[in-house]
Protein backbone atom coordinates (compact mmCIF):
# COMPACT_ATOMS: atom_id res chain seq x y z
CA UNK A 1 -17.59 62.01 29.00
CA UNK A 2 -15.89 61.19 25.70
CA UNK A 3 -13.19 58.46 25.81
CA UNK A 4 -9.61 59.50 25.20
CA UNK A 5 -7.62 58.49 22.12
CA UNK A 6 -5.75 55.87 24.16
CA UNK A 7 -8.98 54.49 25.56
CA UNK A 8 -10.45 54.31 22.05
CA UNK A 9 -7.38 52.39 20.81
CA UNK A 10 -7.52 49.96 23.73
CA UNK A 11 -11.24 49.48 23.19
CA UNK A 12 -10.69 48.82 19.45
CA UNK A 13 -7.89 46.37 20.21
CA UNK A 14 -10.10 44.50 22.66
CA UNK A 15 -12.96 44.37 20.18
CA UNK A 16 -10.62 43.10 17.45
CA UNK A 17 -9.33 40.34 19.74
CA UNK A 18 -12.88 39.41 20.70
CA UNK A 19 -13.97 39.33 17.05
CA UNK A 20 -10.96 37.15 16.09
CA UNK A 21 -11.58 34.83 19.00
CA UNK A 22 -15.23 34.60 18.03
CA UNK A 23 -14.32 33.70 14.45
CA UNK A 24 -11.82 31.06 15.55
CA UNK A 25 -14.31 29.61 18.02
CA UNK A 26 -17.02 29.49 15.35
CA UNK A 27 -14.67 27.75 12.91
CA UNK A 28 -13.65 25.26 15.57
CA UNK A 29 -17.28 24.61 16.50
CA UNK A 30 -18.16 24.22 12.82
CA UNK A 31 -15.38 21.67 12.34
CA UNK A 32 -16.28 19.71 15.44
CA UNK A 33 -19.99 19.84 14.59
CA UNK A 34 -19.50 18.37 11.13
CA UNK A 35 -21.07 15.08 10.37
CA UNK A 36 -18.64 12.18 10.34
CA UNK A 37 -16.87 11.64 7.04
CA UNK A 38 -17.87 8.26 5.68
CA UNK A 39 -15.03 6.13 4.31
CA UNK A 40 -15.51 2.75 2.67
CA UNK A 41 -12.84 0.10 3.18
CA UNK A 42 -13.06 -2.46 0.38
CA UNK A 43 -10.51 -5.28 0.39
CA UNK A 44 -9.97 -9.03 0.33
CA UNK A 45 -10.62 -10.17 3.90
CA UNK A 46 -11.37 -13.88 3.54
CA UNK A 47 -9.97 -16.97 1.86
CA UNK A 48 -6.27 -17.86 1.42
CA UNK A 49 -5.41 -14.24 0.60
CA UNK A 50 -7.50 -12.70 3.36
CA UNK A 51 -4.50 -11.94 5.56
CA UNK A 52 -3.43 -9.23 3.11
CA UNK A 53 -6.67 -7.29 3.33
CA UNK A 54 -6.87 -7.83 7.07
CA UNK A 55 -3.44 -6.25 7.50
CA UNK A 56 -4.60 -3.31 5.39
CA UNK A 57 -7.76 -2.85 7.44
CA UNK A 58 -6.07 -3.28 10.82
CA UNK A 59 -3.37 -0.73 10.01
CA UNK A 60 -5.87 1.78 8.65
CA UNK A 61 -7.95 1.51 11.80
CA UNK A 62 -4.80 1.75 13.96
CA UNK A 63 -4.00 5.09 12.33
CA UNK A 64 -7.48 6.39 13.07
CA UNK A 65 -7.27 5.10 16.65
CA UNK A 66 -3.95 6.87 17.20
CA UNK A 67 -5.64 10.09 16.07
CA UNK A 68 -8.50 9.77 18.53
CA UNK A 69 -11.01 8.29 16.11
CA UNK A 70 -10.57 11.20 13.72
CA UNK A 71 -8.75 12.13 10.53
CA UNK A 72 -7.77 15.74 10.11
CA UNK A 73 -9.62 16.57 13.30
CA UNK A 74 -12.92 15.27 11.89
CA UNK A 75 -14.69 12.15 13.13
CA UNK A 76 -14.75 9.40 10.51
CA UNK A 77 -17.00 6.37 10.05
CA UNK A 78 -15.36 3.41 8.30
CA UNK A 79 -17.66 0.94 6.56
CA UNK A 80 -15.88 -2.36 5.85
CA UNK A 81 -16.64 -4.70 2.93
CA UNK A 82 -15.00 -8.00 1.91
CA UNK A 83 -14.72 -8.45 -1.86
CA UNK A 84 -13.68 -12.11 -1.41
CA UNK A 85 -11.26 -11.64 -4.34
CA UNK A 86 -14.25 -11.55 -6.71
CA UNK A 87 -14.32 -8.59 -9.13
CA UNK A 88 -18.11 -8.75 -9.68
CA UNK A 89 -18.74 -8.75 -5.94
CA UNK A 90 -16.28 -5.89 -5.53
CA UNK A 91 -18.26 -3.78 -8.01
CA UNK A 92 -21.52 -4.54 -6.18
CA UNK A 93 -20.00 -3.55 -2.86
CA UNK A 94 -18.48 -0.37 -4.30
CA UNK A 95 -21.89 0.62 -5.67
CA UNK A 96 -23.48 -0.11 -2.27
CA UNK A 97 -20.87 2.05 -0.51
CA UNK A 98 -21.49 4.93 -2.95
CA UNK A 99 -25.26 4.77 -3.40
CA UNK A 100 -26.52 3.49 -0.05
CA UNK A 101 -23.80 4.43 2.45
CA UNK A 102 -22.94 7.73 0.72
CA UNK A 103 -19.20 7.45 1.30
CA UNK A 104 -16.90 10.25 0.15
CA UNK A 105 -13.80 8.06 -0.03
CA UNK A 106 -13.08 4.39 -0.67
CA UNK A 107 -9.75 2.86 0.32
CA UNK A 108 -8.20 -0.62 0.30
CA UNK A 109 -7.87 -2.41 -3.03
CA UNK A 110 -6.02 -5.62 -2.21
CA UNK A 111 -5.89 -7.43 -5.55
CA UNK A 112 -5.52 -5.97 -9.02
CA UNK A 113 -8.38 -7.80 -10.71
CA UNK A 114 -10.82 -6.34 -8.18
CA UNK A 115 -9.27 -2.86 -8.27
CA UNK A 116 -9.47 -2.85 -12.06
CA UNK A 117 -13.16 -3.73 -11.83
CA UNK A 118 -14.06 -1.00 -9.32
CA UNK A 119 -11.73 1.76 -10.55
CA UNK A 120 -13.99 3.22 -13.22
CA UNK A 121 -17.33 2.93 -11.35
CA UNK A 122 -15.86 4.61 -8.26
CA UNK A 123 -13.88 7.42 -9.89
CA UNK A 124 -16.62 8.24 -12.42
CA UNK A 125 -19.05 8.53 -9.51
CA UNK A 126 -16.88 11.36 -8.16
CA UNK A 127 -15.69 9.35 -5.16
CA UNK A 128 -12.00 9.44 -4.21
CA UNK A 129 -10.33 6.03 -4.42
CA UNK A 130 -7.19 5.64 -2.30
CA UNK A 131 -5.47 2.37 -3.21
CA UNK A 132 -3.17 0.94 -0.57
CA UNK A 133 -1.94 -2.19 -2.31
CA UNK A 134 -2.86 -3.20 -5.86
CA UNK A 135 -1.50 -0.96 -8.62
CA UNK A 136 -2.49 -2.39 -12.01
CA UNK A 137 -0.59 -0.91 -14.91
CA UNK A 138 -3.63 0.15 -17.01
CA UNK A 139 -4.58 2.77 -14.38
CA UNK A 140 -0.99 3.90 -13.89
CA UNK A 141 -0.52 5.21 -17.42
CA UNK A 142 -3.20 6.11 -19.95
CA UNK A 143 -6.03 5.11 -17.61
CA UNK A 144 -4.92 7.38 -14.74
CA UNK A 145 -7.63 9.34 -12.95
CA UNK A 146 -7.59 12.54 -10.87
CA UNK A 147 -9.84 10.71 -8.38
CA UNK A 148 -7.38 7.85 -7.76
CA UNK A 149 -4.32 8.00 -5.51
CA UNK A 150 -2.02 5.14 -4.52
CA UNK A 151 0.04 4.82 -1.35
CA UNK A 152 1.67 1.65 -2.66
CA UNK A 153 3.15 1.29 -6.15
CA UNK A 154 2.49 0.45 -9.75
CA UNK A 155 2.50 -3.35 -10.00
CA UNK A 156 5.64 -3.41 -12.12
CA UNK A 157 7.91 -1.35 -9.91
CA UNK A 158 8.64 -3.56 -6.92
CA UNK A 159 9.32 -6.42 -9.34
CA UNK A 160 11.70 -4.15 -11.22
CA UNK A 161 13.71 -3.92 -8.00
CA UNK A 162 14.28 -7.68 -8.09
CA UNK A 163 15.11 -7.56 -11.80
CA UNK A 164 17.77 -4.99 -10.95
CA UNK A 165 19.02 -7.10 -8.04
CA UNK A 166 19.25 -10.23 -10.23
CA UNK A 167 21.26 -8.27 -12.79
CA UNK A 168 23.55 -6.80 -10.12
CA UNK A 169 24.07 -10.30 -8.69
CA UNK A 170 25.24 -11.63 -12.04
CA UNK A 171 22.46 -14.16 -12.57
CA UNK A 172 22.32 -15.08 -16.26
CA UNK A 173 19.42 -17.55 -16.42
CA UNK A 174 16.27 -17.08 -14.32
CA UNK A 175 13.06 -19.11 -14.15
CA UNK A 176 9.91 -17.07 -13.39
CA UNK A 177 6.54 -18.05 -11.90
CA UNK A 178 3.43 -16.04 -11.02
CA UNK A 179 -0.36 -16.49 -10.73
CA UNK A 180 -2.40 -15.97 -13.87
CA UNK A 181 -4.07 -12.57 -13.30
CA UNK A 182 -3.27 -8.90 -13.86
CA UNK A 183 -0.77 -8.50 -11.02
CA UNK A 184 1.00 -11.74 -11.96
CA UNK A 185 1.48 -10.55 -15.52
CA UNK A 186 2.63 -7.14 -14.29
CA UNK A 187 5.09 -8.90 -11.96
CA UNK A 188 6.76 -10.75 -14.79
CA UNK A 189 6.78 -7.64 -16.98
CA UNK A 190 8.39 -5.65 -14.18
CA UNK A 191 11.07 -8.22 -13.44
CA UNK A 192 12.00 -8.53 -17.12
CA UNK A 193 12.30 -4.76 -17.54
CA UNK A 194 15.54 -4.41 -15.54
CA UNK A 195 16.83 -7.99 -15.76
CA UNK A 196 19.53 -8.22 -18.41
CA UNK A 197 19.86 -11.99 -18.52
CA UNK A 198 17.78 -14.80 -20.03
CA UNK A 199 14.30 -15.76 -18.87
CA UNK A 200 14.32 -19.55 -19.23
CA UNK A 201 10.54 -19.76 -18.92
CA UNK A 202 7.67 -17.73 -17.47
CA UNK A 203 4.98 -19.92 -15.95
CA UNK A 204 1.51 -18.70 -14.97
CA UNK A 205 -0.36 -20.81 -12.44
CA UNK A 206 -3.96 -20.70 -11.24
CA UNK A 207 -4.87 -18.11 -8.59
CA UNK A 208 -4.85 -19.81 -5.16
CA UNK A 209 -3.33 -23.00 -6.58
CA UNK A 210 -2.29 -25.16 -3.60
CA UNK A 211 0.18 -27.60 -5.20
CA UNK A 212 3.28 -26.52 -7.13
CA UNK A 213 5.12 -29.85 -7.23
CA UNK A 214 4.90 -30.15 -11.02
CA UNK A 215 6.17 -26.61 -11.57
CA UNK A 216 9.01 -27.08 -9.06
CA UNK A 217 10.07 -30.34 -10.72
CA UNK A 218 10.09 -28.63 -14.12
CA UNK A 219 12.13 -25.62 -12.99
CA UNK A 220 14.62 -27.88 -11.23
CA UNK A 221 15.28 -29.73 -14.48
CA UNK A 222 16.16 -26.42 -16.18
CA UNK A 223 18.98 -25.74 -13.68
CA UNK A 224 18.49 -21.95 -13.48
CA UNK A 225 20.89 -19.56 -11.75
CA UNK A 226 17.90 -18.28 -9.74
CA UNK A 227 14.13 -18.49 -9.51
CA UNK A 228 11.85 -15.47 -9.29
CA UNK A 229 8.29 -15.78 -7.96
CA UNK A 230 5.34 -13.59 -7.08
CA UNK A 231 2.93 -15.52 -4.84
CA UNK A 232 1.09 -13.36 -2.29
CA UNK A 233 -0.80 -14.76 0.71
CA UNK A 234 -1.46 -18.48 1.03
CA UNK A 235 0.02 -19.13 -2.41
CA UNK A 236 3.38 -17.93 -1.10
CA UNK A 237 3.20 -20.14 1.99
CA UNK A 238 2.49 -23.23 -0.14
CA UNK A 239 5.13 -22.48 -2.76
CA UNK A 240 7.95 -21.74 -0.31
CA UNK A 241 7.18 -24.83 1.78
CA UNK A 242 7.23 -27.04 -1.28
CA UNK A 243 10.38 -25.36 -2.66
CA UNK A 244 12.11 -25.98 0.67
CA UNK A 245 10.85 -29.58 0.84
CA UNK A 246 12.32 -30.18 -2.62
CA UNK A 247 15.70 -29.21 -1.17
CA UNK A 248 16.06 -26.15 -3.40
CA UNK A 249 15.99 -23.27 -0.89
CA UNK A 250 19.62 -22.38 -0.31
CA UNK A 251 20.65 -24.33 -3.41
CA UNK A 252 18.95 -22.32 -6.16
CA UNK A 253 18.46 -18.69 -5.00
CA UNK A 254 14.78 -17.85 -4.55
CA UNK A 255 13.99 -14.22 -5.35
CA UNK A 256 10.51 -12.90 -4.72
CA UNK A 257 8.14 -10.04 -4.22
CA UNK A 258 5.09 -10.10 -1.90
CA UNK A 259 5.67 -13.81 -1.20
CA UNK A 260 7.27 -13.82 2.25
CA UNK A 261 6.27 -10.84 4.38
CA UNK A 262 4.58 -10.03 7.66
CA UNK A 263 1.45 -11.95 6.64
CA UNK A 264 3.19 -15.19 5.60
CA UNK A 265 6.41 -15.37 7.66
CA UNK A 266 4.55 -16.49 10.83
CA UNK A 267 3.40 -19.61 8.94
CA UNK A 268 6.81 -20.30 7.41
CA UNK A 269 9.30 -19.23 10.08
CA UNK A 270 12.68 -20.96 9.60
CA UNK A 271 11.45 -22.65 6.40
CA UNK A 272 11.84 -19.31 4.60
CA UNK A 273 15.38 -18.51 5.74
CA UNK A 274 17.50 -17.55 2.76
CA UNK A 275 14.70 -16.11 0.64
CA UNK A 276 15.38 -12.69 -0.88
CA UNK A 277 12.58 -10.19 -1.46
CA UNK A 278 12.10 -6.86 -3.14
CA UNK A 279 9.76 -4.57 -1.24
CA UNK A 280 8.88 -0.91 -0.62
CA UNK A 281 8.79 -1.55 3.12
CA UNK A 282 10.62 -3.39 5.88
CA UNK A 283 9.64 -3.40 9.58
CA UNK A 284 13.18 -2.38 10.57
CA UNK A 285 13.31 0.87 8.54
CA UNK A 286 14.94 3.37 10.86
CA UNK A 287 12.68 6.38 11.27
CA UNK A 288 10.58 7.59 14.19
CA UNK A 289 7.19 7.16 12.52
CA UNK A 290 7.95 3.55 11.56
CA UNK A 291 9.22 2.68 15.04
CA UNK A 292 5.97 3.94 16.55
CA UNK A 293 3.90 2.17 13.90
CA UNK A 294 5.63 -1.19 14.41
CA UNK A 295 5.45 -0.90 18.20
CA UNK A 296 1.76 0.03 18.24
CA UNK A 297 0.74 -2.46 15.54
CA UNK A 298 2.59 -5.33 17.23
CA UNK A 299 1.15 -4.44 20.63
CA UNK A 300 -2.42 -4.21 19.34
CA UNK A 301 -2.49 -7.16 16.93
CA UNK A 302 0.26 -9.47 18.16
CA UNK A 303 2.12 -9.65 14.86
CA UNK A 304 4.71 -7.70 12.86
CA UNK A 305 3.19 -5.42 10.19
CA UNK A 306 3.58 -6.31 6.53
CA UNK A 307 4.01 -3.93 3.60
CA UNK A 308 0.21 -4.13 3.15
CA UNK A 309 -0.22 -2.79 6.66
CA UNK A 310 2.39 -0.06 6.14
CA UNK A 311 0.80 1.13 2.89
CA UNK A 312 -2.66 1.27 4.46
CA UNK A 313 -1.36 3.09 7.53
CA UNK A 314 0.19 5.61 5.13
CA UNK A 315 -3.25 5.94 3.48
CA UNK A 316 -4.71 6.93 6.85
CA UNK A 317 -1.94 9.49 7.41
CA UNK A 318 -2.37 10.87 3.87
CA UNK A 319 -6.09 11.34 4.45
CA UNK A 320 -5.42 12.91 7.84
CA UNK A 321 -3.19 15.52 6.23
CA UNK A 322 -5.58 16.30 3.36
CA UNK A 323 -8.72 16.47 5.51
CA UNK A 324 -6.94 18.80 7.92
CA UNK A 325 -5.78 21.12 5.12
CA UNK A 326 -9.31 21.42 3.72
CA UNK A 327 -11.05 21.77 7.06
CA UNK A 328 -12.93 18.55 6.44
CA UNK A 329 -14.44 19.79 3.15
CA UNK A 330 -13.95 16.62 1.13
CA UNK A 331 -16.89 17.74 -1.04
CA UNK A 332 -14.63 20.46 -2.50
CA UNK A 333 -13.01 17.95 -4.82
CA UNK A 334 -10.43 20.22 -6.45
CA UNK A 335 -9.18 21.49 -3.09
CA UNK A 336 -9.18 18.01 -1.59
CA UNK A 337 -7.32 16.56 -4.55
CA UNK A 338 -4.72 19.35 -4.30
CA UNK A 339 -4.29 18.58 -0.59
CA UNK A 340 -3.84 14.87 -1.32
CA UNK A 341 -1.23 15.61 -3.99
CA UNK A 342 0.90 17.47 -1.44
CA UNK A 343 1.38 14.18 0.47
CA UNK A 344 2.15 16.23 3.58
CA UNK A 345 2.83 13.32 5.93
CA UNK A 346 5.80 11.19 6.94
CA UNK A 347 5.67 7.74 5.41
CA UNK A 348 6.76 4.80 7.56
CA UNK A 349 8.67 3.53 4.52
CA UNK A 350 10.90 6.55 3.99
CA UNK A 351 10.87 9.15 1.17
CA UNK A 352 7.41 9.58 -0.38
CA UNK A 353 5.99 12.02 -2.90
CA UNK A 354 3.44 11.75 -5.69
CA UNK A 355 4.26 11.67 -9.37
CA UNK A 356 1.97 13.22 -11.99
CA UNK A 357 -0.07 9.97 -12.15
CA UNK A 358 -0.62 10.14 -8.36
CA UNK A 359 1.45 7.02 -7.72
CA UNK A 360 4.35 7.46 -5.29
CA UNK A 361 8.01 8.04 -5.99
CA UNK A 362 9.70 5.95 -3.30
CA UNK A 363 12.50 3.58 -2.28
CA UNK A 364 12.54 -0.15 -2.97
CA UNK A 365 14.55 -2.33 -0.61
CA UNK A 366 16.19 -5.75 -0.63
CA UNK A 367 14.98 -7.74 2.36
CA UNK A 368 16.23 -11.18 3.37
CA UNK A 369 14.71 -13.76 5.68
CA UNK A 370 17.34 -14.42 8.35
CA UNK A 371 17.58 -15.10 12.08
CA UNK A 372 17.41 -12.04 14.30
CA UNK A 373 19.22 -11.48 17.61
CA UNK A 374 16.76 -13.76 19.38
CA UNK A 375 17.28 -16.56 16.88
CA UNK A 376 13.85 -16.14 15.26
CA UNK A 377 13.24 -15.89 11.53
CA UNK A 378 12.81 -12.23 10.65
CA UNK A 379 12.75 -9.83 7.71
CA UNK A 380 16.08 -8.02 7.59
CA UNK A 381 16.57 -4.89 5.48
CA UNK A 382 19.74 -5.16 3.38
CA UNK A 383 19.54 -1.72 1.81
CA UNK A 384 18.02 0.23 -1.06
CA UNK A 385 17.96 -1.33 -4.53
CA UNK A 386 16.10 1.50 -6.30
CA UNK A 387 16.29 4.93 -4.67
CA UNK A 388 13.31 7.33 -4.91
CA UNK A 389 12.17 5.43 -7.95
CA UNK A 390 9.20 6.31 -10.15
CA UNK A 391 7.24 3.91 -12.32
CA UNK A 392 7.94 3.94 -16.04
CA UNK A 393 4.28 4.36 -17.02
CA UNK A 394 3.79 7.83 -15.53
CA UNK A 395 4.81 9.40 -18.86
CA UNK A 396 1.68 7.88 -20.44
CA UNK A 397 -0.55 9.70 -17.94
CA UNK A 398 -1.77 13.07 -19.23
CA UNK A 399 -2.35 14.55 -15.78
CA UNK A 400 0.05 17.13 -14.41
């Protein structure tokens, strides 16, 4: 007996649903059956500056843990390497990650001298490099690459926020200090860009220098309206302690960037009260994703996250969004790059989108070290200094 028209329609509908279900199941099985995506984490994890890279790594792994050990629904394998703040070693490790470990992505990049060394070997090898801290100016402008994305900033920009703050505060004469390497030079350049007063002197000290007594004595004799410093990691702990011991903290305003943060405040505590910092992140930023991040990070690691942690957590969320959009096909480089450029995730630091050079357009905040409700020294957000701000070098980048 021949089926009726209604029966034929019902049968066709059922077959269509079965076919669709079969396709969806096959796609799901294909995604779940994929080999793990290999990601290299390359950062500074030892020495006086090791706390910065450790915060980056811990936050990146926290993001993966929150997502069930996956990014974009695909299992990932993270291979960790410590560059020890040595550019030559960083290059060797990057080559090992690419040639031996066969990673598709490398993230991290704690210090600019190392990132500058690995940038070309990694990107020219066709491996995506996702920087979550250092942002040296040469790769922000003319040296930009379609294979490099940053979830942090160009080195100049956060220092520009303090240059703007110093100008707004009416400081006329400022004394500037920074370590003698790429990021230190970028720091001074950035501060000077928006500061309208006089730079009394700009002093470059050795990287990881432990004693600043001579420099502090010299700046004191110049009687500046304020002092601006960029001393990340252990350098910042030593400088702030010695500045406070000289009786200058609270007497001559100390402005800074990446000097007192979540990695260094535990060692300084009340000694840092009164310091003013420019930063793209503060633990008390009021949005749901940051509240969860701070709660989970503090619970897991027993410390408040720094900007290094926040930027690396954002790198995990960025990768999660891009891997999901491409169904885990990171080998389709054009599609994966397009998915990264969308930046379809919610940053813990507030507004976030990529400029043409693939560095973020974002807020920069003024944060002060002050006592919180419990009487402990804490980082307190005092508002936005530069709103949804883009670096000034993006116009030199020929990418669109």
